[in-house]
PDB file of all heavy atoms in Angstrom:
ATOM      1  N   ASP A   1      -5.142 -18.160  -4.510  1.00  0.00           N
ATOM      2  CA  ASP A   1      -6.579 -18.252  -4.792  1.00  0.00           C
ATOM      3  C   ASP A   1      -7.350 -18.260  -3.482  1.00  0.00           C
ATOM      4  O   ASP A   1      -7.496 -19.294  -2.824  1.00  0.00           O
ATOM      5  CB  ASP A   1      -6.870 -19.521  -5.599  1.00  0.00           C
ATOM      6  CG  ASP A   1      -8.304 -19.591  -6.103  1.00  0.00           C
ATOM      7  OD1 ASP A   1      -9.196 -19.001  -5.456  1.00  0.00           O
ATOM      8  OD2 ASP A   1      -8.541 -20.249  -7.136  1.00  0.00           O
ATOM      9  N   TYR A   2      -7.884 -17.093  -3.102  1.00  0.00           N
ATOM     10  CA  TYR A   2      -8.530 -16.968  -1.793  1.00  0.00           C
ATOM     11  C   TYR A   2      -9.904 -17.625  -1.740  1.00  0.00           C
ATOM     12  O   TYR A   2     -10.416 -17.904  -0.643  1.00  0.00           O
ATOM     13  CB  TYR A   2      -8.623 -15.495  -1.377  1.00  0.00           C
ATOM     14  CG  TYR A   2      -9.290 -14.570  -2.368  1.00  0.00           C
ATOM     15  CD1 TYR A   2     -10.672 -14.446  -2.426  1.00  0.00           C
ATOM     16  CD2 TYR A   2      -8.532 -13.793  -3.229  1.00  0.00           C
ATOM     17  CE1 TYR A   2     -11.285 -13.591  -3.314  1.00  0.00           C
ATOM     18  CE2 TYR A   2      -9.124 -12.929  -4.119  1.00  0.00           C
ATOM     19  CZ  TYR A   2     -10.505 -12.823  -4.166  1.00  0.00           C
ATOM     20  OH  TYR A   2     -11.107 -11.972  -5.061  1.00  0.00           O
ATOM     21  N   LEU A   3     -10.518 -17.896  -2.885  1.00  0.00           N
ATOM     22  CA  LEU A   3     -11.801 -18.608  -2.887  1.00  0.00           C
ATOM     23  C   LEU A   3     -11.585 -20.110  -2.744  1.00  0.00           C
ATOM     24  O   LEU A   3     -12.290 -20.780  -1.978  1.00  0.00           O
ATOM     25  CB  LEU A   3     -12.586 -18.293  -4.161  1.00  0.00           C
ATOM     26  CG  LEU A   3     -13.004 -16.831  -4.340  1.00  0.00           C
ATOM     27  CD1 LEU A   3     -13.712 -16.637  -5.671  1.00  0.00           C
ATOM     28  CD2 LEU A   3     -13.910 -16.379  -3.192  1.00  0.00           C
ATOM     29  N   ASP A   4     -10.622 -20.636  -3.455  1.00  0.00           N
ATOM     30  CA  ASP A   4     -10.294 -22.060  -3.331  1.00  0.00           C
ATOM     31  C   ASP A   4      -9.838 -22.365  -1.905  1.00  0.00           C
ATOM     32  O   ASP A   4     -10.117 -23.456  -1.385  1.00  0.00           O
ATOM     33  CB  ASP A   4      -9.201 -22.421  -4.332  1.00  0.00           C
ATOM     34  CG  ASP A   4      -9.002 -23.921  -4.477  1.00  0.00           C
ATOM     35  OD1 ASP A   4     -10.009 -24.661  -4.463  1.00  0.00           O
ATOM     36  OD2 ASP A   4      -7.853 -24.353  -4.621  1.00  0.00           O
ATOM     37  N   PHE A   5      -9.160 -21.419  -1.283  1.00  0.00           N
ATOM     38  CA  PHE A   5      -8.711 -21.600   0.099  1.00  0.00           C
ATOM     39  C   PHE A   5      -9.890 -21.922   1.016  1.00  0.00           C
ATOM     40  O   PHE A   5      -9.794 -22.788   1.897  1.00  0.00           O
ATOM     41  CB  PHE A   5      -7.997 -20.332   0.577  1.00  0.00           C
ATOM     42  CG  PHE A   5      -7.359 -20.445   1.933  1.00  0.00           C
ATOM     43  CD1 PHE A   5      -6.010 -20.755   2.053  1.00  0.00           C
ATOM     44  CD2 PHE A   5      -8.088 -20.229   3.101  1.00  0.00           C
ATOM     45  CE1 PHE A   5      -5.401 -20.859   3.301  1.00  0.00           C
ATOM     46  CE2 PHE A   5      -7.501 -20.327   4.352  1.00  0.00           C
ATOM     47  CZ  PHE A   5      -6.152 -20.650   4.452  1.00  0.00           C
ATOM     48  N   ILE A   6     -11.011 -21.248   0.831  1.00  0.00           N
ATOM     49  CA  ILE A   6     -12.202 -21.516   1.654  1.00  0.00           C
ATOM     50  C   ILE A   6     -12.666 -22.946   1.472  1.00  0.00           C
ATOM     51  O   ILE A   6     -12.993 -23.640   2.445  1.00  0.00           O
ATOM     52  CB  ILE A   6     -13.333 -20.532   1.319  1.00  0.00           C
ATOM     53  CG1 ILE A   6     -12.928 -19.091   1.663  1.00  0.00           C
ATOM     54  CG2 ILE A   6     -14.614 -20.906   2.073  1.00  0.00           C
ATOM     55  CD1 ILE A   6     -13.943 -18.042   1.245  1.00  0.00           C
ATOM     56  N   ASP A   7     -12.708 -23.420   0.231  1.00  0.00           N
ATOM     57  CA  ASP A   7     -13.140 -24.791  -0.032  1.00  0.00           C
ATOM     58  C   ASP A   7     -12.212 -25.805   0.638  1.00  0.00           C
ATOM     59  O   ASP A   7     -12.659 -26.807   1.194  1.00  0.00           O
ATOM     60  CB  ASP A   7     -13.179 -25.056  -1.539  1.00  0.00           C
ATOM     61  CG  ASP A   7     -14.246 -24.247  -2.252  1.00  0.00           C
ATOM     62  OD1 ASP A   7     -15.262 -23.913  -1.609  1.00  0.00           O
ATOM     63  OD2 ASP A   7     -14.062 -23.944  -3.444  1.00  0.00           O
ATOM     64  N   ILE A   8     -10.909 -25.532   0.582  1.00  0.00           N
ATOM     65  CA  ILE A   8      -9.928 -26.489   1.106  1.00  0.00           C
ATOM     66  C   ILE A   8      -9.964 -26.549   2.629  1.00  0.00           C
ATOM     67  O   ILE A   8      -9.892 -27.633   3.219  1.00  0.00           O
ATOM     68  CB  ILE A   8      -8.513 -26.121   0.620  1.00  0.00           C
ATOM     69  CG1 ILE A   8      -8.419 -26.233  -0.909  1.00  0.00           C
ATOM     70  CG2 ILE A   8      -7.460 -27.019   1.278  1.00  0.00           C
ATOM     71  CD1 ILE A   8      -7.155 -25.635  -1.483  1.00  0.00           C
ATOM     72  N   TYR A   9     -10.088 -25.391   3.270  1.00  0.00           N
ATOM     73  CA  TYR A   9      -9.921 -25.323   4.727  1.00  0.00           C
ATOM     74  C   TYR A   9     -11.218 -24.961   5.461  1.00  0.00           C
ATOM     75  O   TYR A   9     -11.178 -24.444   6.578  1.00  0.00           O
ATOM     76  CB  TYR A   9      -8.820 -24.311   5.071  1.00  0.00           C
ATOM     77  CG  TYR A   9      -7.497 -24.672   4.450  1.00  0.00           C
ATOM     78  CD1 TYR A   9      -7.001 -23.955   3.366  1.00  0.00           C
ATOM     79  CD2 TYR A   9      -6.759 -25.763   4.911  1.00  0.00           C
ATOM     80  CE1 TYR A   9      -5.795 -24.305   2.761  1.00  0.00           C
ATOM     81  CE2 TYR A   9      -5.557 -26.122   4.322  1.00  0.00           C
ATOM     82  CZ  TYR A   9      -5.083 -25.393   3.245  1.00  0.00           C
ATOM     83  OH  TYR A   9      -3.895 -25.752   2.658  1.00  0.00           O
ATOM     84  N   ALA A  10     -12.343 -25.274   4.851  1.00  0.00           N
ATOM     85  CA  ALA A  10     -13.641 -24.895   5.417  1.00  0.00           C
ATOM     86  C   ALA A  10     -13.789 -25.312   6.879  1.00  0.00           C
ATOM     87  O   ALA A  10     -14.303 -24.553   7.709  1.00  0.00           O
ATOM     88  CB  ALA A  10     -14.771 -25.493   4.589  1.00  0.00           C
ATOM     89  N   GLU A  11     -13.340 -26.520   7.211  1.00  0.00           N
ATOM     90  CA  GLU A  11     -13.531 -27.032   8.573  1.00  0.00           C
ATOM     91  C   GLU A  11     -12.660 -26.309   9.592  1.00  0.00           C
ATOM     92  O   GLU A  11     -12.955 -26.360  10.796  1.00  0.00           O
ATOM     93  CB  GLU A  11     -13.234 -28.530   8.615  1.00  0.00           C
ATOM     94  CG  GLU A  11     -14.236 -29.371   7.844  1.00  0.00           C
ATOM     95  CD  GLU A  11     -13.954 -30.858   7.990  1.00  0.00           C
ATOM     96  OE1 GLU A  11     -12.949 -31.222   8.644  1.00  0.00           O
ATOM     97  OE2 GLU A  11     -14.745 -31.655   7.450  1.00  0.00           O
ATOM     98  N   ARG A  12     -11.611 -25.648   9.147  1.00  0.00           N
ATOM     99  CA  ARG A  12     -10.687 -24.986  10.070  1.00  0.00           C
ATOM    100  C   ARG A  12     -10.894 -23.475  10.141  1.00  0.00           C
ATOM    101  O   ARG A  12     -10.322 -22.818  11.015  1.00  0.00           O
ATOM    102  CB  ARG A  12      -9.237 -25.279   9.663  1.00  0.00           C
ATOM    103  CG  ARG A  12      -8.830 -26.744   9.812  1.00  0.00           C
ATOM    104  CD  ARG A  12      -8.538 -27.125  11.232  1.00  0.00           C
ATOM    105  NE  ARG A  12      -8.255 -28.560  11.371  1.00  0.00           N
ATOM    106  CZ  ARG A  12      -7.843 -29.130  12.503  1.00  0.00           C
ATOM    107  NH1 ARG A  12      -7.664 -28.407  13.591  1.00  0.00           N
ATOM    108  NH2 ARG A  12      -7.629 -30.435  12.558  1.00  0.00           N
ATOM    109  N   ILE A  13     -11.681 -22.900   9.246  1.00  0.00           N
ATOM    110  CA  ILE A  13     -11.903 -21.455   9.255  1.00  0.00           C
ATOM    111  C   ILE A  13     -12.942 -21.123  10.312  1.00  0.00           C
ATOM    112  O   ILE A  13     -14.112 -21.496  10.197  1.00  0.00           O
ATOM    113  CB  ILE A  13     -12.360 -20.959   7.868  1.00  0.00           C
ATOM    114  CG1 ILE A  13     -11.247 -21.157   6.843  1.00  0.00           C
ATOM    115  CG2 ILE A  13     -12.756 -19.484   7.943  1.00  0.00           C
ATOM    116  CD1 ILE A  13     -11.655 -20.847   5.412  1.00  0.00           C
ATOM    117  N   LYS A  14     -12.514 -20.424  11.349  1.00  0.00           N
ATOM    118  CA  LYS A  14     -13.397 -20.086  12.467  1.00  0.00           C
ATOM    119  C   LYS A  14     -13.579 -18.581  12.643  1.00  0.00           C
ATOM    120  O   LYS A  14     -14.453 -18.152  13.390  1.00  0.00           O
ATOM    121  CB  LYS A  14     -12.847 -20.671  13.779  1.00  0.00           C
ATOM    122  CG  LYS A  14     -12.596 -22.174  13.755  1.00  0.00           C
ATOM    123  CD  LYS A  14     -13.869 -22.973  13.578  1.00  0.00           C
ATOM    124  CE  LYS A  14     -13.589 -24.475  13.653  1.00  0.00           C
ATOM    125  NZ  LYS A  14     -14.802 -25.284  13.402  1.00  0.00           N
ATOM    126  N   MET A  15     -12.723 -17.785  11.991  1.00  0.00           N
ATOM    127  CA  MET A  15     -12.820 -16.331  12.104  1.00  0.00           C
ATOM    128  C   MET A  15     -12.600 -15.699  10.738  1.00  0.00           C
ATOM    129  O   MET A  15     -11.994 -16.298   9.849  1.00  0.00           O
ATOM    130  CB  MET A  15     -11.794 -15.794  13.118  1.00  0.00           C
ATOM    131  CG  MET A  15     -12.091 -16.169  14.548  1.00  0.00           C
ATOM    132  SD  MET A  15     -10.842 -15.551  15.712  1.00  0.00           S
ATOM    133  CE  MET A  15     -10.950 -13.795  15.415  1.00  0.00           C
ATOM    134  N   PHE A  16     -13.055 -14.453  10.587  1.00  0.00           N
ATOM    135  CA  PHE A  16     -13.063 -13.793   9.283  1.00  0.00           C
ATOM    136  C   PHE A  16     -12.774 -12.311   9.465  1.00  0.00           C
ATOM    137  O   PHE A  16     -13.524 -11.602  10.132  1.00  0.00           O
ATOM    138  CB  PHE A  16     -14.439 -14.008   8.632  1.00  0.00           C
ATOM    139  CG  PHE A  16     -14.687 -13.300   7.328  1.00  0.00           C
ATOM    140  CD1 PHE A  16     -13.657 -12.990   6.447  1.00  0.00           C
ATOM    141  CD2 PHE A  16     -15.984 -12.958   6.970  1.00  0.00           C
ATOM    142  CE1 PHE A  16     -13.906 -12.351   5.247  1.00  0.00           C
ATOM    143  CE2 PHE A  16     -16.249 -12.324   5.764  1.00  0.00           C
ATOM    144  CZ  PHE A  16     -15.211 -12.013   4.910  1.00  0.00           C
ATOM    145  N   HIS A  17     -11.645 -11.850   8.906  1.00  0.00           N
ATOM    146  CA  HIS A  17     -11.354 -10.421   8.796  1.00  0.00           C
ATOM    147  C   HIS A  17     -11.770  -9.953   7.412  1.00  0.00           C
ATOM    148  O   HIS A  17     -11.285 -10.477   6.401  1.00  0.00           O
ATOM    149  CB  HIS A  17      -9.868 -10.142   8.999  1.00  0.00           C
ATOM    150  CG  HIS A  17      -9.491  -9.901  10.420  1.00  0.00           C
ATOM    151  ND1 HIS A  17      -8.191  -9.703  10.831  1.00  0.00           N
ATOM    152  CD2 HIS A  17     -10.246  -9.789  11.536  1.00  0.00           C
ATOM    153  CE1 HIS A  17      -8.158  -9.506  12.139  1.00  0.00           C
ATOM    154  NE2 HIS A  17      -9.385  -9.567  12.588  1.00  0.00           N
ATOM    155  N   VAL A  18     -12.641  -8.979   7.377  1.00  0.00           N
ATOM    156  CA  VAL A  18     -13.108  -8.421   6.112  1.00  0.00           C
ATOM    157  C   VAL A  18     -12.167  -7.264   5.758  1.00  0.00           C
ATOM    158  O   VAL A  18     -12.320  -6.147   6.257  1.00  0.00           O
ATOM    159  CB  VAL A  18     -14.564  -7.939   6.215  1.00  0.00           C
ATOM    160  CG1 VAL A  18     -15.113  -7.632   4.826  1.00  0.00           C
ATOM    161  CG2 VAL A  18     -15.435  -8.976   6.907  1.00  0.00           C
ATOM    162  N   LYS A  19     -11.184  -7.547   4.928  1.00  0.00           N
ATOM    163  CA  LYS A  19     -10.195  -6.528   4.559  1.00  0.00           C
ATOM    164  C   LYS A  19      -9.907  -6.615   3.071  1.00  0.00           C
ATOM    165  O   LYS A  19      -9.721  -7.703   2.533  1.00  0.00           O
ATOM    166  CB  LYS A  19      -8.906  -6.700   5.362  1.00  0.00           C
ATOM    167  CG  LYS A  19      -7.927  -5.533   5.181  1.00  0.00           C
ATOM    168  CD  LYS A  19      -6.790  -5.569   6.186  1.00  0.00           C
ATOM    169  CE  LYS A  19      -5.773  -6.617   5.838  1.00  0.00           C
ATOM    170  NZ  LYS A  19      -4.586  -6.573   6.722  1.00  0.00           N
ATOM    171  N   ASP A  20      -9.862  -5.477   2.428  1.00  0.00           N
ATOM    172  CA  ASP A  20      -9.703  -5.410   0.981  1.00  0.00           C
ATOM    173  C   ASP A  20      -8.231  -5.168   0.620  1.00  0.00           C
ATOM    174  O   ASP A  20      -7.433  -4.736   1.454  1.00  0.00           O
ATOM    175  CB  ASP A  20     -10.570  -4.284   0.417  1.00  0.00           C
ATOM    176  CG  ASP A  20     -11.082  -4.570  -0.986  1.00  0.00           C
ATOM    177  OD1 ASP A  20     -10.526  -5.461  -1.654  1.00  0.00           O
ATOM    178  OD2 ASP A  20     -12.045  -3.891  -1.417  1.00  0.00           O
ATOM    179  N   ALA A  21      -7.868  -5.466  -0.607  1.00  0.00           N
ATOM    180  CA  ALA A  21      -6.512  -5.271  -1.094  1.00  0.00           C
ATOM    181  C   ALA A  21      -6.532  -5.200  -2.614  1.00  0.00           C
ATOM    182  O   ALA A  21      -7.518  -5.552  -3.264  1.00  0.00           O
ATOM    183  CB  ALA A  21      -5.598  -6.408  -0.634  1.00  0.00           C
ATOM    184  N   GLU A  22      -5.423  -4.755  -3.171  1.00  0.00           N
ATOM    185  CA  GLU A  22      -5.271  -4.732  -4.620  1.00  0.00           C
ATOM    186  C   GLU A  22      -3.844  -5.133  -4.983  1.00  0.00           C
ATOM    187  O   GLU A  22      -2.909  -4.946  -4.196  1.00  0.00           O
ATOM    188  CB  GLU A  22      -5.573  -3.340  -5.183  1.00  0.00           C
ATOM    189  CG  GLU A  22      -4.633  -2.257  -4.684  1.00  0.00           C
ATOM    190  CD  GLU A  22      -5.026  -0.867  -5.181  1.00  0.00           C
ATOM    191  OE1 GLU A  22      -5.998  -0.765  -5.958  1.00  0.00           O
ATOM    192  OE2 GLU A  22      -4.370   0.116  -4.781  1.00  0.00           O
ATOM    193  N   PHE A  23      -3.700  -5.712  -6.175  1.00  0.00           N
ATOM    194  CA  PHE A  23      -2.381  -6.086  -6.690  1.00  0.00           C
ATOM    195  C   PHE A  23      -2.275  -5.595  -8.113  1.00  0.00           C
ATOM    196  O   PHE A  23      -3.011  -6.046  -9.000  1.00  0.00           O
ATOM    197  CB  PHE A  23      -2.179  -7.601  -6.612  1.00  0.00           C
ATOM    198  CG  PHE A  23      -0.821  -8.047  -7.078  1.00  0.00           C
ATOM    199  CD1 PHE A  23       0.315  -7.706  -6.360  1.00  0.00           C
ATOM    200  CD2 PHE A  23      -0.678  -8.779  -8.244  1.00  0.00           C
ATOM    201  CE1 PHE A  23       1.579  -8.097  -6.802  1.00  0.00           C
ATOM    202  CE2 PHE A  23       0.580  -9.187  -8.690  1.00  0.00           C
ATOM    203  CZ  PHE A  23       1.711  -8.838  -7.956  1.00  0.00           C
ATOM    204  N   ASN A  24      -1.391  -4.638  -8.348  1.00  0.00           N
ATOM    205  CA  ASN A  24      -1.235  -4.009  -9.650  1.00  0.00           C
ATOM    206  C   ASN A  24       0.238  -4.058 -10.071  1.00  0.00           C
ATOM    207  O   ASN A  24       0.976  -3.081  -9.909  1.00  0.00           O
ATOM    208  CB  ASN A  24      -1.720  -2.558  -9.606  1.00  0.00           C
ATOM    209  CG  ASN A  24      -3.194  -2.452  -9.235  1.00  0.00           C
ATOM    210  OD1 ASN A  24      -4.046  -3.038  -9.898  1.00  0.00           O
ATOM    211  ND2 ASN A  24      -3.502  -1.706  -8.190  1.00  0.00           N
ATOM    212  N   PRO A  25       0.681  -5.202 -10.588  1.00  0.00           N
ATOM    213  CA  PRO A  25       2.086  -5.324 -10.981  1.00  0.00           C
ATOM    214  C   PRO A  25       2.409  -4.450 -12.186  1.00  0.00           C
ATOM    215  O   PRO A  25       1.546  -4.146 -13.011  1.00  0.00           O
ATOM    216  CB  PRO A  25       2.219  -6.809 -11.309  1.00  0.00           C
ATOM    217  CG  PRO A  25       0.849  -7.208 -11.766  1.00  0.00           C
ATOM    218  CD  PRO A  25      -0.100  -6.408 -10.905  1.00  0.00           C
ATOM    219  N   THR A  26       3.645  -4.044 -12.258  1.00  0.00           N
ATOM    220  CA  THR A  26       4.114  -3.239 -13.392  1.00  0.00           C
ATOM    221  C   THR A  26       5.379  -3.876 -13.944  1.00  0.00           C
ATOM    222  O   THR A  26       5.824  -4.921 -13.475  1.00  0.00           O
ATOM    223  CB  THR A  26       4.427  -1.802 -12.933  1.00  0.00           C
ATOM    224  OG1 THR A  26       5.602  -1.826 -12.097  1.00  0.00           O
ATOM    225  CG2 THR A  26       3.265  -1.200 -12.156  1.00  0.00           C
ATOM    226  N   GLY A  27       5.982  -3.220 -14.928  1.00  0.00           N
ATOM    227  CA  GLY A  27       7.258  -3.685 -15.441  1.00  0.00           C
ATOM    228  C   GLY A  27       8.395  -3.447 -14.465  1.00  0.00           C
ATOM    229  O   GLY A  27       9.510  -3.930 -14.679  1.00  0.00           O
ATOM    230  N   ARG A  28       8.116  -2.723 -13.374  1.00  0.00           N
ATOM    231  CA  ARG A  28       9.154  -2.405 -12.402  1.00  0.00           C
ATOM    232  C   ARG A  28       9.052  -3.207 -11.104  1.00  0.00           C
ATOM    233  O   ARG A  28      10.049  -3.400 -10.421  1.00  0.00           O
ATOM    234  CB  ARG A  28       9.117  -0.915 -12.055  1.00  0.00           C
ATOM    235  CG  ARG A  28       9.557  -0.003 -13.190  1.00  0.00           C
ATOM    236  CD  ARG A  28       9.673   1.440 -12.701  1.00  0.00           C
ATOM    237  NE  ARG A  28      10.305   2.280 -13.713  1.00  0.00           N
ATOM    238  CZ  ARG A  28       9.637   2.931 -14.657  1.00  0.00           C
ATOM    239  NH1 ARG A  28       8.318   2.821 -14.716  1.00  0.00           N
ATOM    240  NH2 ARG A  28      10.281   3.675 -15.536  1.00  0.00           N
ATOM    241  N   GLN A  29       7.848  -3.642 -10.750  1.00  0.00           N
ATOM    242  CA  GLN A  29       7.712  -4.354  -9.480  1.00  0.00           C
ATOM    243  C   GLN A  29       6.535  -5.316  -9.507  1.00  0.00           C
ATOM    244  O   GLN A  29       5.576  -5.129 -10.265  1.00  0.00           O
ATOM    245  CB  GLN A  29       7.548  -3.382  -8.305  1.00  0.00           C
ATOM    246  CG  GLN A  29       6.334  -2.466  -8.398  1.00  0.00           C
ATOM    247  CD  GLN A  29       5.989  -1.821  -7.081  1.00  0.00           C
ATOM    248  OE1 GLN A  29       5.471  -2.475  -6.176  1.00  0.00           O
ATOM    249  NE2 GLN A  29       6.269  -0.536  -6.972  1.00  0.00           N
ATOM    250  N   GLY A  30       6.653  -6.345  -8.659  1.00  0.00           N
ATOM    251  CA  GLY A  30       5.599  -7.346  -8.553  1.00  0.00           C
ATOM    252  C   GLY A  30       5.300  -7.652  -7.104  1.00  0.00           C
ATOM    253  O   GLY A  30       5.142  -6.755  -6.285  1.00  0.00           O
ATOM    254  N   VAL A  31       5.247  -8.954  -6.757  1.00  0.00           N
ATOM    255  CA  VAL A  31       4.844  -9.365  -5.416  1.00  0.00           C
ATOM    256  C   VAL A  31       5.739  -8.758  -4.334  1.00  0.00           C
ATOM    257  O   VAL A  31       5.262  -8.346  -3.281  1.00  0.00           O
ATOM    258  CB  VAL A  31       4.846 -10.908  -5.312  1.00  0.00           C
ATOM    259  CG1 VAL A  31       4.680 -11.356  -3.862  1.00  0.00           C
ATOM    260  CG2 VAL A  31       3.724 -11.493  -6.168  1.00  0.00           C
ATOM    261  N   TYR A  32       7.040  -8.650  -4.597  1.00  0.00           N
ATOM    262  CA  TYR A  32       7.955  -8.167  -3.554  1.00  0.00           C
ATOM    263  C   TYR A  32       7.983  -6.643  -3.461  1.00  0.00           C
ATOM    264  O   TYR A  32       8.449  -6.088  -2.467  1.00  0.00           O
ATOM    265  CB  TYR A  32       9.362  -8.721  -3.795  1.00  0.00           C
ATOM    266  CG  TYR A  32       9.397 -10.230  -3.790  1.00  0.00           C
ATOM    267  CD1 TYR A  32       9.647 -10.936  -4.962  1.00  0.00           C
ATOM    268  CD2 TYR A  32       9.143 -10.946  -2.628  1.00  0.00           C
ATOM    269  CE1 TYR A  32       9.659 -12.319  -4.970  1.00  0.00           C
ATOM    270  CE2 TYR A  32       9.150 -12.329  -2.626  1.00  0.00           C
ATOM    271  CZ  TYR A  32       9.412 -13.009  -3.801  1.00  0.00           C
ATOM    272  OH  TYR A  32       9.413 -14.375  -3.801  1.00  0.00           O
ATOM    273  N   SER A  33       7.515  -5.960  -4.491  1.00  0.00           N
ATOM    274  CA  SER A  33       7.244  -4.519  -4.464  1.00  0.00           C
ATOM    275  C   SER A  33       8.445  -3.623  -4.208  1.00  0.00           C
ATOM    276  O   SER A  33       8.300  -2.486  -3.751  1.00  0.00           O
ATOM    277  CB  SER A  33       6.130  -4.212  -3.455  1.00  0.00           C
ATOM    278  OG  SER A  33       4.898  -4.751  -3.900  1.00  0.00           O
ATOM    279  N   GLY A  34       9.642  -4.102  -4.490  1.00  0.00           N
ATOM    280  CA  GLY A  34      10.809  -3.241  -4.535  1.00  0.00           C
ATOM    281  C   GLY A  34      11.109  -2.435  -3.288  1.00  0.00           C
ATOM    282  O   GLY A  34      11.631  -1.311  -3.383  1.00  0.00           O
ATOM    283  N   TYR A  35      10.823  -2.978  -2.113  1.00  0.00           N
ATOM    284  CA  TYR A  35      11.080  -2.286  -0.841  1.00  0.00           C
ATOM    285  C   TYR A  35      10.341  -0.954  -0.712  1.00  0.00           C
ATOM    286  O   TYR A  35      10.724  -0.101   0.090  1.00  0.00           O
ATOM    287  CB  TYR A  35      12.590  -2.035  -0.631  1.00  0.00           C
ATOM    288  CG  TYR A  35      13.407  -3.281  -0.422  1.00  0.00           C
ATOM    289  CD1 TYR A  35      14.306  -3.701  -1.397  1.00  0.00           C
ATOM    290  CD2 TYR A  35      13.285  -4.045   0.735  1.00  0.00           C
ATOM    291  CE1 TYR A  35      15.074  -4.850  -1.217  1.00  0.00           C
ATOM    292  CE2 TYR A  35      14.035  -5.186   0.926  1.00  0.00           C
ATOM    293  CZ  TYR A  35      14.928  -5.593  -0.052  1.00  0.00           C
ATOM    294  OH  TYR A  35      15.679  -6.726   0.131  1.00  0.00           O
ATOM    295  N   GLN A  36       9.283  -0.774  -1.463  1.00  0.00           N
ATOM    296  CA  GLN A  36       8.569   0.502  -1.406  1.00  0.00           C
ATOM    297  C   GLN A  36       7.652   0.578  -0.192  1.00  0.00           C
ATOM    298  O   GLN A  36       7.258  -0.436   0.374  1.00  0.00           O
ATOM    299  CB  GLN A  36       7.758   0.692  -2.691  1.00  0.00           C
ATOM    300  CG  GLN A  36       8.607   0.751  -3.945  1.00  0.00           C
ATOM    301  CD  GLN A  36       9.669   1.824  -3.863  1.00  0.00           C
ATOM    302  OE1 GLN A  36       9.357   3.019  -3.843  1.00  0.00           O
ATOM    303  NE2 GLN A  36      10.933   1.413  -3.825  1.00  0.00           N
ATOM    304  N   SER A  37       7.321   1.799   0.207  1.00  0.00           N
ATOM    305  CA  SER A  37       6.340   2.000   1.279  1.00  0.00           C
ATOM    306  C   SER A  37       4.971   1.579   0.768  1.00  0.00           C
ATOM    307  O   SER A  37       4.775   1.361  -0.433  1.00  0.00           O
ATOM    308  CB  SER A  37       6.322   3.467   1.706  1.00  0.00           C
ATOM    309  OG  SER A  37       5.862   4.284   0.633  1.00  0.00           O
TER     310      SER A  37
END
């Protein structure tokens, strides 16, 4: 939860990388993504 992370660590967050991502799990792969490129 990247929003809750801000609330928890507000005092320690000093820098911000604005980078986007997506997570689209299937019946074949999830977080570990099957060693795919």
